[in-house]
Amino acid sequence: MSVLPRTARQAGGRPLLLAGFGSLLLLMVVAGGYALRTLEQVRSSDLDERNVHLQRDHALDRIRTGIYQSAIIMRDYLLAVDEKSGAAQIERFSETRDQTDRALAECAAVIDPAESQALRELQSELQVYWKLLAFISEIPAENRARRGSEYLSQQVRQHRAELIQMVDQLDALSARQMAASDARMNETFGRLRGRLTLIVALAVGVGLLLAAFTIWRTLRLEQELEQRYQEVLKTQQELAELSARLVSAQEEERRSISRELHDEVGQSLSALLMEAGNAAAHVAPDDAHVRQHVDSIKKLAEASVNIIRNMTLLLRPSMLDDFGLVPALEWQAREVSKRTGIRVQVAAADSTGELPDALKTCIYRVVQEALHNCARHAQARSVRVVVRQEESRIVLSVEDDGRGFDARRVRGLGLVGMEERVRHLGGAFHVRSTPGAGTKVDVELPLAS
């Protein structure tokens, strides 16, 4: 009943985590897209402003150059030695004027609305300046040098200075406009930085919340996993204790059945055998039919006694309790050799007979199961059983020369039962076997201090 609510809570936390991480990713994508778009706009606007400023400065430089060059050309005209040279200077003046007018038109195309009034004044004054310079070409040739020089120094130079001042004013206004554009650019960057800071702070906040929630969920899951692990350990311990109690109960039941068979059934059959012998002694020598039946009863009684004795020894050999471990192992080896033809050799010290009952029973059952496996599966010709007692442990090994098997893949119930017996007593159980190279079972059992 307690698993379902917990599972529902675990399932309920997943949409929240997915929604949180999805929102964080979406916020990061939006922030990145906004930043890229704004930076592209700022870059494009800055390039446009720079290009316009460069075009305007270039046009103003051309206007300033045209104003200076036109005055120099007209001065050269006044100094011309013949009419041909003068005509060439007049042609140069016309070209310079046209170039200056084009530069003024280009400047008007890229001028800021705030500079339009100053540009119109410059256009008006520039037309007056062209007329002043053109008037020089109308002065008669006999008075041209004297009157032209006076005209240049008095009229044209003053007007040229005013024009240059107007051009400088336009240039200063253009510089102010450029500074204003830079200020707008800085303001745009400031807004972008503020918005990005807000988005990053929001993303960091959401990330911290998600991290805190994830850590909390992880700790909760770790606690639940630890609880499950402890429950599994407790269950395994209970299963091990139950298995040990079952093994102990099985041994007690075998001991009880063996004793009952030996004391009750065995004695009854022995009495029956004795009575059959007494009856055979009182049968008349010429009564062959009755003697035959009495002999048959005697043989059946003897066979039953042997069967009961074998069953008793298989269930729980009395010599294990009466004489110790080594005689029981040797008797078992003789019985297996007699029944299967396998040569079984037992090497054990006499001191092993003084072991506790639990250790003796475990070793006897492991050897019994190992010999049973050798007889049924190994097709072995010989088996060697070694029991060695050391200072703090007792070591058992059962090794055969049979066909072997893959110990990493094959794991029958007999091996599992042997391992459970050994593990319950705190020992170590190992099986070493390879196909075609025999099998060796190693057991180490600790001795109580």
Protein backbone atom coordinates (compact mmCIF):
# COMPACT_ATOMS: atom_id res chain seq x y z
CA MET A 1 0.00 0.00 0.00
CA SER A 2 2.91 2.37 0.70
CA VAL A 3 4.57 1.81 -2.69
CA LEU A 4 1.83 3.37 -4.80
CA PRO A 5 1.79 6.85 -3.21
CA ARG A 6 5.58 7.02 -3.34
CA THR A 7 5.59 5.97 -6.98
CA ALA A 8 2.96 8.59 -7.73
CA ARG A 9 5.07 11.27 -6.02
CA GLN A 10 8.13 10.21 -8.00
CA ALA A 11 6.17 10.34 -11.25
CA GLY A 12 4.76 13.75 -10.27
CA GLY A 13 8.22 15.26 -9.87
CA ARG A 14 9.31 14.42 -13.40
CA PRO A 15 6.97 16.87 -15.23
CA LEU A 16 8.10 19.63 -12.87
CA LEU A 17 11.76 18.93 -13.60
CA LEU A 18 11.11 18.70 -17.33
CA ALA A 19 9.11 21.94 -17.29
CA GLY A 20 11.83 23.70 -15.28
CA PHE A 21 14.69 22.60 -17.50
CA GLY A 22 12.62 23.31 -20.61
CA SER A 23 11.86 26.83 -19.36
CA LEU A 24 15.52 27.40 -18.57
CA LEU A 25 16.60 26.25 -22.03
CA LEU A 26 13.88 28.38 -23.65
CA LEU A 27 14.98 31.39 -21.61
CA MET A 28 18.58 30.87 -22.68
CA VAL A 29 17.55 30.52 -26.33
CA VAL A 30 15.43 33.69 -26.14
CA ALA A 31 18.24 35.58 -24.45
CA GLY A 32 20.75 34.43 -27.04
CA GLY A 33 18.43 35.25 -29.93
CA TYR A 34 17.62 38.68 -28.52
CA ALA A 35 21.28 39.46 -27.95
CA LEU A 36 22.26 38.36 -31.45
CA ARG A 37 19.43 40.32 -33.07
CA THR A 38 20.18 43.47 -31.06
CA LEU A 39 23.91 43.24 -31.74
CA GLU A 40 23.24 42.81 -35.44
CA GLN A 41 20.97 45.86 -35.41
CA VAL A 42 23.53 47.90 -33.50
CA ARG A 43 26.28 46.79 -35.83
CA SER A 44 24.22 47.64 -38.92
CA SER A 45 23.20 51.03 -37.49
CA ASP A 46 26.77 51.83 -36.53
CA LEU A 47 28.03 50.93 -40.00
CA ASP A 48 25.36 53.10 -41.58
CA GLU A 49 26.20 56.03 -39.32
CA ARG A 50 29.90 55.64 -40.03
CA ASN A 51 29.36 55.47 -43.78
CA VAL A 52 27.11 58.57 -43.74
CA HIS A 53 29.64 60.46 -41.62
CA LEU A 54 32.48 59.48 -43.94
CA GLN A 55 30.49 60.50 -47.02
CA ARG A 56 29.58 63.83 -45.42
CA ASP A 57 33.19 64.54 -44.35
CA HIS A 58 34.44 63.63 -47.80
CA ALA A 59 31.89 65.91 -49.43
CA LEU A 60 32.76 68.81 -47.07
CA ASP A 61 36.47 68.32 -47.79
CA ARG A 62 35.75 68.48 -51.50
CA ILE A 63 33.68 71.65 -51.01
CA ARG A 64 36.46 73.24 -48.95
CA THR A 65 39.05 72.22 -51.54
CA GLY A 66 36.88 73.57 -54.38
CA ILE A 67 36.52 76.94 -52.66
CA TYR A 68 40.30 77.28 -52.23
CA GLN A 69 41.16 75.94 -55.68
CA SER A 70 38.68 78.20 -57.45
CA ALA A 71 40.27 81.31 -55.90
CA ILE A 72 43.74 80.05 -56.85
CA ILE A 73 42.57 79.34 -60.41
CA MET A 74 41.18 82.86 -60.81
CA ARG A 75 44.42 84.29 -59.47
CA ASP A 76 46.30 82.27 -62.10
CA TYR A 77 43.86 83.65 -64.65
CA LEU A 78 44.80 87.19 -63.71
CA LEU A 79 48.48 86.29 -64.12
CA ALA A 80 47.98 84.62 -67.52
CA VAL A 81 50.31 85.99 -70.21
CA ASP A 82 48.01 85.36 -73.15
CA GLU A 83 44.41 84.65 -73.95
CA LYS A 84 44.95 80.90 -74.44
CA SER A 85 46.28 80.46 -70.93
CA GLY A 86 43.48 82.55 -69.55
CA ALA A 87 40.89 80.43 -71.38
CA ALA A 88 42.43 77.28 -69.90
CA GLN A 89 42.16 78.72 -66.40
CA ILE A 90 38.52 79.68 -67.02
CA GLU A 91 37.85 76.08 -68.10
CA ARG A 92 39.55 74.78 -64.94
CA PHE A 93 37.40 77.14 -62.89
CA SER A 94 34.24 75.76 -64.52
CA GLU A 95 35.29 72.16 -63.76
CA THR A 96 36.16 73.00 -60.17
CA ARG A 97 32.82 74.78 -59.70
CA ASP A 98 30.93 71.80 -61.15
CA GLN A 99 32.84 69.37 -58.89
CA THR A 100 32.16 71.55 -55.85
CA ASP A 101 28.45 71.79 -56.70
CA ARG A 102 28.28 67.99 -57.05
CA ALA A 103 29.99 67.56 -53.70
CA LEU A 104 27.45 69.97 -52.21
CA ALA A 105 24.62 67.91 -53.70
CA GLU A 106 26.12 64.70 -52.29
CA CYS A 107 26.39 66.36 -48.90
CA ALA A 108 22.74 67.42 -49.09
CA ALA A 109 21.74 63.79 -49.79
CA VAL A 110 23.31 62.49 -46.59
CA ILE A 111 22.89 65.53 -44.38
CA ASP A 112 20.97 65.27 -41.11
CA PRO A 113 17.68 67.25 -40.96
CA ALA A 114 19.20 69.38 -38.20
CA GLU A 115 21.90 70.54 -40.66
CA SER A 116 19.59 71.41 -43.58
CA GLN A 117 19.28 75.12 -42.69
CA ALA A 118 23.06 75.59 -42.51
CA LEU A 119 23.45 73.69 -45.79
CA ARG A 120 20.92 75.96 -47.56
CA GLU A 121 22.81 79.01 -46.34
CA LEU A 122 26.05 77.49 -47.61
CA GLN A 123 24.47 76.80 -51.00
CA SER A 124 23.23 80.41 -51.24
CA GLU A 125 26.56 81.90 -50.25
CA LEU A 126 28.43 79.55 -52.57
CA GLN A 127 26.38 80.78 -55.54
CA VAL A 128 27.28 84.34 -54.62
CA TYR A 129 30.92 83.26 -54.39
CA TRP A 130 30.78 81.75 -57.89
CA LYS A 131 29.33 85.00 -59.23
CA LEU A 132 32.09 87.02 -57.60
CA LEU A 133 34.73 84.82 -59.18
CA ALA A 134 32.96 84.83 -62.54
CA PHE A 135 32.94 88.66 -62.48
CA ILE A 136 36.74 88.61 -62.70
CA SER A 137 36.53 87.01 -66.15
CA GLU A 138 34.41 90.01 -67.30
CA ILE A 139 36.99 92.64 -66.39
CA PRO A 140 38.54 94.17 -69.55
CA ALA A 141 42.01 92.98 -70.38
CA GLU A 142 43.72 96.38 -70.03
CA ASN A 143 42.57 96.77 -66.40
CA ARG A 144 42.37 93.08 -65.49
CA ALA A 145 45.60 92.73 -63.55
CA ARG A 146 45.17 95.79 -61.35
CA ARG A 147 41.42 95.66 -60.80
CA GLY A 148 41.39 91.85 -60.52
CA SER A 149 43.99 91.80 -57.79
CA GLU A 150 42.11 94.46 -55.83
CA TYR A 151 38.88 92.54 -56.32
CA LEU A 152 40.39 89.30 -55.14
CA SER A 153 41.95 90.85 -52.07
CA GLN A 154 38.90 92.88 -51.06
CA GLN A 155 35.80 91.01 -52.17
CA VAL A 156 36.65 87.40 -52.89
CA ARG A 157 39.00 86.75 -49.96
CA GLN A 158 36.49 88.03 -47.43
CA HIS A 159 33.67 85.98 -48.91
CA ARG A 160 35.90 82.92 -49.11
CA ALA A 161 36.70 83.21 -45.43
CA GLU A 162 32.98 83.36 -44.67
CA LEU A 163 32.36 80.27 -46.82
CA ILE A 164 35.16 78.34 -45.14
CA GLN A 165 33.74 79.30 -41.77
CA MET A 166 30.32 78.00 -42.87
CA VAL A 167 31.89 74.76 -44.04
CA ASP A 168 33.69 74.45 -40.70
CA GLN A 169 30.41 75.03 -38.92
CA LEU A 170 28.83 72.25 -40.98
CA ASP A 171 31.78 70.04 -40.14
CA ALA A 172 31.43 70.82 -36.43
CA LEU A 173 27.69 70.16 -36.62
CA SER A 174 28.46 66.87 -38.35
CA ALA A 175 30.90 66.00 -35.57
CA ARG A 176 28.22 66.78 -32.99
CA GLN A 177 25.79 64.58 -34.86
CA MET A 178 28.37 61.82 -34.87
CA ALA A 179 28.87 62.26 -31.14
CA ALA A 180 25.09 62.11 -30.68
CA SER A 181 25.03 58.93 -32.76
CA ASP A 182 27.73 57.45 -30.54
CA ALA A 183 25.71 58.46 -27.49
CA ARG A 184 22.64 56.74 -28.94
CA MET A 185 24.78 53.71 -29.66
CA ASN A 186 26.05 53.67 -26.08
CA GLU A 187 22.50 54.04 -24.83
CA THR A 188 21.43 51.11 -26.99
CA PHE A 189 24.31 49.05 -25.64
CA GLY A 190 23.35 50.05 -22.12
CA ARG A 191 19.77 48.91 -22.66
CA LEU A 192 21.03 45.67 -24.18
CA ARG A 193 23.38 45.13 -21.27
CA GLY A 194 20.60 45.79 -18.77
CA ARG A 195 18.17 43.44 -20.48
CA LEU A 196 20.79 40.75 -20.87
CA THR A 197 21.76 41.18 -17.22
CA LEU A 198 18.11 40.76 -16.26
CA ILE A 199 17.72 37.68 -18.45
CA VAL A 200 20.96 36.16 -17.19
CA ALA A 201 19.95 36.87 -13.59
CA LEU A 202 16.58 35.27 -14.27
CA ALA A 203 18.25 32.26 -15.90
CA VAL A 204 20.68 31.94 -12.98
CA GLY A 205 17.80 32.17 -10.52
CA VAL A 206 15.82 29.52 -12.36
CA GLY A 207 18.96 27.38 -12.60
CA LEU A 208 19.59 27.72 -8.85
CA LEU A 209 15.98 26.78 -8.11
CA LEU A 210 16.25 23.78 -10.42
CA ALA A 211 19.58 22.81 -8.87
CA ALA A 212 18.11 23.06 -5.37
CA PHE A 213 15.06 21.06 -6.40
CA THR A 214 17.23 18.47 -8.15
CA ILE A 215 19.50 18.14 -5.10
CA TRP A 216 16.47 17.79 -2.86
CA ARG A 217 14.97 15.14 -5.13
CA THR A 218 18.32 13.36 -5.35
CA LEU A 219 18.66 13.29 -1.57
CA ARG A 220 15.10 12.01 -1.26
CA LEU A 221 15.77 9.28 -3.82
CA GLU A 222 19.04 8.43 -2.07
CA GLN A 223 17.19 8.07 1.22
CA GLU A 224 14.55 5.92 -0.42
CA LEU A 225 17.20 3.79 -2.11
CA GLU A 226 19.02 3.42 1.21
CA GLN A 227 15.74 2.39 2.82
CA ARG A 228 15.10 -0.11 0.04
CA TYR A 229 18.65 -1.40 0.39
CA GLN A 230 18.22 -1.89 4.12
CA GLU A 231 14.91 -3.65 3.49
CA VAL A 232 16.59 -5.92 0.94
CA LEU A 233 19.42 -6.65 3.39
CA LYS A 234 16.91 -7.39 6.11
CA THR A 235 14.97 -9.65 3.75
CA GLN A 236 18.16 -11.44 2.72
CA GLN A 237 19.10 -11.90 6.36
CA GLU A 238 15.65 -13.24 7.15
CA LEU A 239 15.85 -15.60 4.16
CA ALA A 240 19.29 -16.77 5.28
CA GLU A 241 18.00 -17.36 8.80
CA LEU A 242 14.96 -19.14 7.43
CA SER A 243 17.18 -21.28 5.20
CA ALA A 244 19.39 -22.08 8.18
CA ARG A 245 16.36 -23.00 10.28
CA LEU A 246 15.06 -25.17 7.44
CA VAL A 247 18.43 -26.92 7.16
CA SER A 248 18.55 -27.37 10.92
CA ALA A 249 14.97 -28.65 10.95
CA GLN A 250 15.79 -30.96 8.08
CA GLU A 251 18.78 -32.37 9.94
CA GLU A 252 16.71 -32.82 13.11
CA GLU A 253 13.96 -34.47 11.11
CA ARG A 254 16.45 -36.78 9.43
CA ARG A 255 17.99 -37.61 12.79
CA SER A 256 14.55 -38.33 14.23
CA ILE A 257 13.46 -40.45 11.25
CA SER A 258 16.80 -42.29 11.28
CA ARG A 259 16.44 -43.01 15.00
CA GLU A 260 12.83 -44.14 14.59
CA LEU A 261 13.75 -46.41 11.70
CA HIS A 262 16.67 -47.84 13.62
CA ASP A 263 14.95 -48.19 17.00
CA GLU A 264 11.45 -49.17 15.98
CA VAL A 265 11.37 -50.61 12.48
CA GLY A 266 14.89 -52.01 12.59
CA GLN A 267 14.37 -53.75 15.94
CA SER A 268 11.01 -55.09 14.78
CA LEU A 269 12.57 -56.53 11.66
CA SER A 270 15.43 -57.95 13.72
CA ALA A 271 12.90 -59.62 16.02
CA LEU A 272 11.05 -60.91 12.96
CA LEU A 273 14.32 -62.32 11.64
CA MET A 274 14.98 -64.04 14.96
CA GLU A 275 11.48 -65.48 15.07
CA ALA A 276 11.89 -66.74 11.51
CA GLY A 277 15.10 -68.46 12.59
CA ASN A 278 13.35 -70.04 15.59
CA ALA A 279 10.50 -71.18 13.35
CA ALA A 280 12.94 -72.71 10.90
CA ALA A 281 14.51 -74.71 13.76
CA HIS A 282 11.15 -76.26 14.65
CA VAL A 283 10.16 -77.26 11.13
CA ALA A 284 10.26 -81.03 10.50
CA PRO A 285 13.07 -82.10 8.19
CA ASP A 286 10.64 -83.73 5.77
CA ASP A 287 8.37 -80.68 5.54
CA ALA A 288 10.12 -78.98 2.60
CA HIS A 289 7.17 -76.75 1.70
CA VAL A 290 7.00 -75.08 5.11
CA ARG A 291 10.80 -74.75 5.29
CA GLN A 292 10.75 -73.02 1.91
CA HIS A 293 8.24 -70.44 3.16
CA VAL A 294 10.16 -69.91 6.38
CA ASP A 295 13.41 -69.40 4.44
CA SER A 296 11.63 -66.93 2.15
CA ILE A 297 10.37 -64.97 5.16
CA LYS A 298 13.87 -64.99 6.63
CA LYS A 299 15.39 -63.65 3.39
CA LEU A 300 12.77 -60.89 3.13
CA ALA A 301 13.43 -59.94 6.73
CA GLU A 302 17.19 -59.81 6.11
CA ALA A 303 16.69 -57.68 2.99
CA SER A 304 14.37 -55.32 4.88
CA VAL A 305 16.91 -54.99 7.69
CA ASN A 306 19.60 -54.08 5.15
CA ILE A 307 17.31 -51.55 3.44
CA ILE A 308 16.37 -49.95 6.75
CA ARG A 309 20.05 -49.82 7.76
CA ASN A 310 21.01 -48.14 4.47
CA MET A 311 18.15 -45.66 4.73
CA THR A 312 19.14 -44.88 8.30
CA LEU A 313 22.74 -44.26 7.32
CA LEU A 314 21.76 -42.10 4.35
CA LEU A 315 19.38 -39.99 6.40
CA ARG A 316 21.74 -39.46 9.32
CA PRO A 317 24.61 -41.88 9.92
CA SER A 318 24.73 -42.71 13.59
CA MET A 319 28.52 -42.94 13.41
CA LEU A 320 28.66 -39.17 12.73
CA ASP A 321 27.20 -38.63 16.19
CA ASP A 322 28.77 -41.66 17.83
CA PHE A 323 32.27 -41.86 16.34
CA GLY A 324 32.86 -38.46 14.67
CA LEU A 325 33.44 -36.92 11.24
CA VAL A 326 36.35 -38.99 9.91
CA PRO A 327 34.69 -42.43 10.31
CA ALA A 328 31.51 -41.08 8.77
CA LEU A 329 33.42 -39.74 5.76
CA GLU A 330 35.32 -42.99 5.33
CA TRP A 331 32.09 -45.00 5.53
CA GLN A 332 30.53 -42.72 2.94
CA ALA A 333 33.56 -43.13 0.67
CA ARG A 334 33.33 -46.94 0.94
CA GLU A 335 29.60 -46.88 0.16
CA VAL A 336 30.09 -44.65 -2.91
CA SER A 337 32.97 -46.84 -4.16
CA LYS A 338 30.90 -49.98 -3.59
CA ARG A 339 27.84 -48.52 -5.35
CA THR A 340 29.48 -46.68 -8.30
CA GLY A 341 32.99 -48.12 -8.69
CA ILE A 342 34.61 -44.70 -8.21
CA ARG A 343 37.81 -44.80 -6.15
CA VAL A 344 37.28 -42.37 -3.27
CA GLN A 345 40.23 -41.45 -1.06
CA VAL A 346 39.72 -39.62 2.24
CA ALA A 347 42.59 -37.75 3.90
CA ALA A 348 41.58 -36.24 7.25
CA ALA A 349 43.28 -35.69 10.60
CA ASP A 350 41.81 -37.37 13.66
CA SER A 351 41.51 -34.01 15.42
CA THR A 352 38.70 -33.04 13.03
CA GLY A 353 36.41 -35.39 14.91
CA GLU A 354 36.33 -32.91 17.81
CA LEU A 355 34.56 -30.24 15.73
CA PRO A 356 31.20 -28.72 16.72
CA ASP A 357 28.14 -30.54 15.49
CA ALA A 358 27.21 -27.77 13.02
CA LEU A 359 30.62 -27.91 11.32
CA LYS A 360 30.66 -31.71 11.20
CA THR A 361 27.18 -31.79 9.66
CA CYS A 362 28.07 -29.11 7.10
CA ILE A 363 31.27 -30.89 6.01
CA TYR A 364 29.54 -34.26 5.84
CA ARG A 365 26.64 -32.89 3.73
CA VAL A 366 28.99 -31.00 1.38
CA VAL A 367 31.07 -34.15 0.81
CA GLN A 368 27.88 -36.20 0.38
CA GLU A 369 26.50 -33.79 -2.27
CA ALA A 370 29.89 -33.52 -4.02
CA LEU A 371 30.23 -37.31 -4.26
CA HIS A 372 26.64 -37.53 -5.47
CA ASN A 373 27.45 -35.02 -8.26
CA CYS A 374 30.59 -36.96 -9.16
CA ALA A 375 28.58 -40.17 -9.47
CA ARG A 376 25.75 -38.63 -11.49
CA HIS A 377 27.40 -36.02 -13.73
CA ALA A 378 31.21 -36.03 -13.63
CA GLN A 379 31.88 -39.59 -14.90
CA ALA A 380 34.98 -39.52 -12.71
CA ARG A 381 37.26 -42.47 -12.00
CA SER A 382 38.70 -41.18 -8.71
CA VAL A 383 37.86 -38.58 -6.09
CA ARG A 384 40.09 -37.18 -3.37
CA VAL A 385 38.57 -35.71 -0.19
CA VAL A 386 40.90 -33.70 2.07
CA VAL A 387 39.89 -32.26 5.44
CA ARG A 388 42.54 -30.13 7.17
CA GLN A 389 42.17 -28.29 10.44
CA GLU A 390 44.25 -25.14 10.98
CA GLU A 391 44.54 -22.70 13.85
CA SER A 392 41.43 -20.66 13.11
CA ARG A 393 39.72 -22.52 10.32
CA ILE A 394 38.97 -25.90 8.82
CA VAL A 395 39.61 -26.47 5.12
CA LEU A 396 37.78 -28.99 2.93
CA SER A 397 38.50 -29.87 -0.69
CA VAL A 398 36.81 -32.42 -2.94
CA GLU A 399 38.60 -32.96 -6.25
CA ASP A 400 37.70 -35.35 -9.07
CA ASP A 401 39.15 -36.23 -12.47
CA GLY A 402 35.81 -36.11 -14.31
CA ARG A 403 34.72 -34.26 -17.41
CA GLY A 404 34.18 -30.95 -15.61
CA PHE A 405 31.85 -28.11 -16.61
CA ASP A 406 31.75 -24.31 -17.04
CA ALA A 407 31.49 -23.11 -13.44
CA ARG A 408 30.62 -19.55 -14.57
CA ARG A 409 27.41 -20.66 -16.31
CA VAL A 410 26.27 -23.91 -14.73
CA ARG A 411 24.90 -23.55 -11.20
CA GLY A 412 22.66 -26.41 -10.06
CA LEU A 413 20.57 -26.73 -6.93
CA GLY A 414 23.14 -29.02 -5.32
CA LEU A 415 25.88 -26.39 -5.56
CA VAL A 416 23.51 -23.70 -4.33
CA GLY A 417 22.57 -25.84 -1.33
CA MET A 418 26.20 -26.49 -0.46
CA GLU A 419 27.05 -22.78 -0.73
CA GLU A 420 24.09 -21.81 1.48
CA ARG A 421 25.23 -24.24 4.19
CA VAL A 422 28.76 -22.85 4.10
CA ARG A 423 27.72 -19.20 3.95
CA HIS A 424 25.40 -19.65 6.92
CA LEU A 425 28.37 -20.70 9.04
CA GLY A 426 30.41 -17.69 7.82
CA GLY A 427 32.61 -19.73 5.50
CA ALA A 428 33.80 -19.41 1.92
CA PHE A 429 32.71 -21.68 -0.91
CA HIS A 430 34.50 -21.92 -4.29
CA VAL A 431 34.04 -24.19 -7.29
CA ARG A 432 36.84 -24.49 -9.85
CA SER A 433 36.05 -26.44 -12.98
CA THR A 434 36.71 -26.35 -16.70
CA PRO A 435 35.32 -28.71 -19.33
CA GLY A 436 37.54 -31.77 -19.62
CA ALA A 437 39.77 -30.89 -16.64
CA GLY A 438 37.81 -32.11 -13.62
CA THR A 439 36.22 -30.21 -10.75
CA LYS A 440 37.45 -29.02 -7.37
CA VAL A 441 35.25 -27.81 -4.53
CA ASP A 442 37.01 -25.71 -1.85
CA VAL A 443 35.40 -24.87 1.48
CA GLU A 444 36.80 -22.80 4.34
CA LEU A 445 34.92 -22.72 7.65
CA PRO A 446 35.96 -20.52 10.59
CA LEU A 447 36.48 -22.10 13.97
CA ALA A 448 34.96 -20.45 17.01
CA SER A 449 37.48 -18.94 19.40
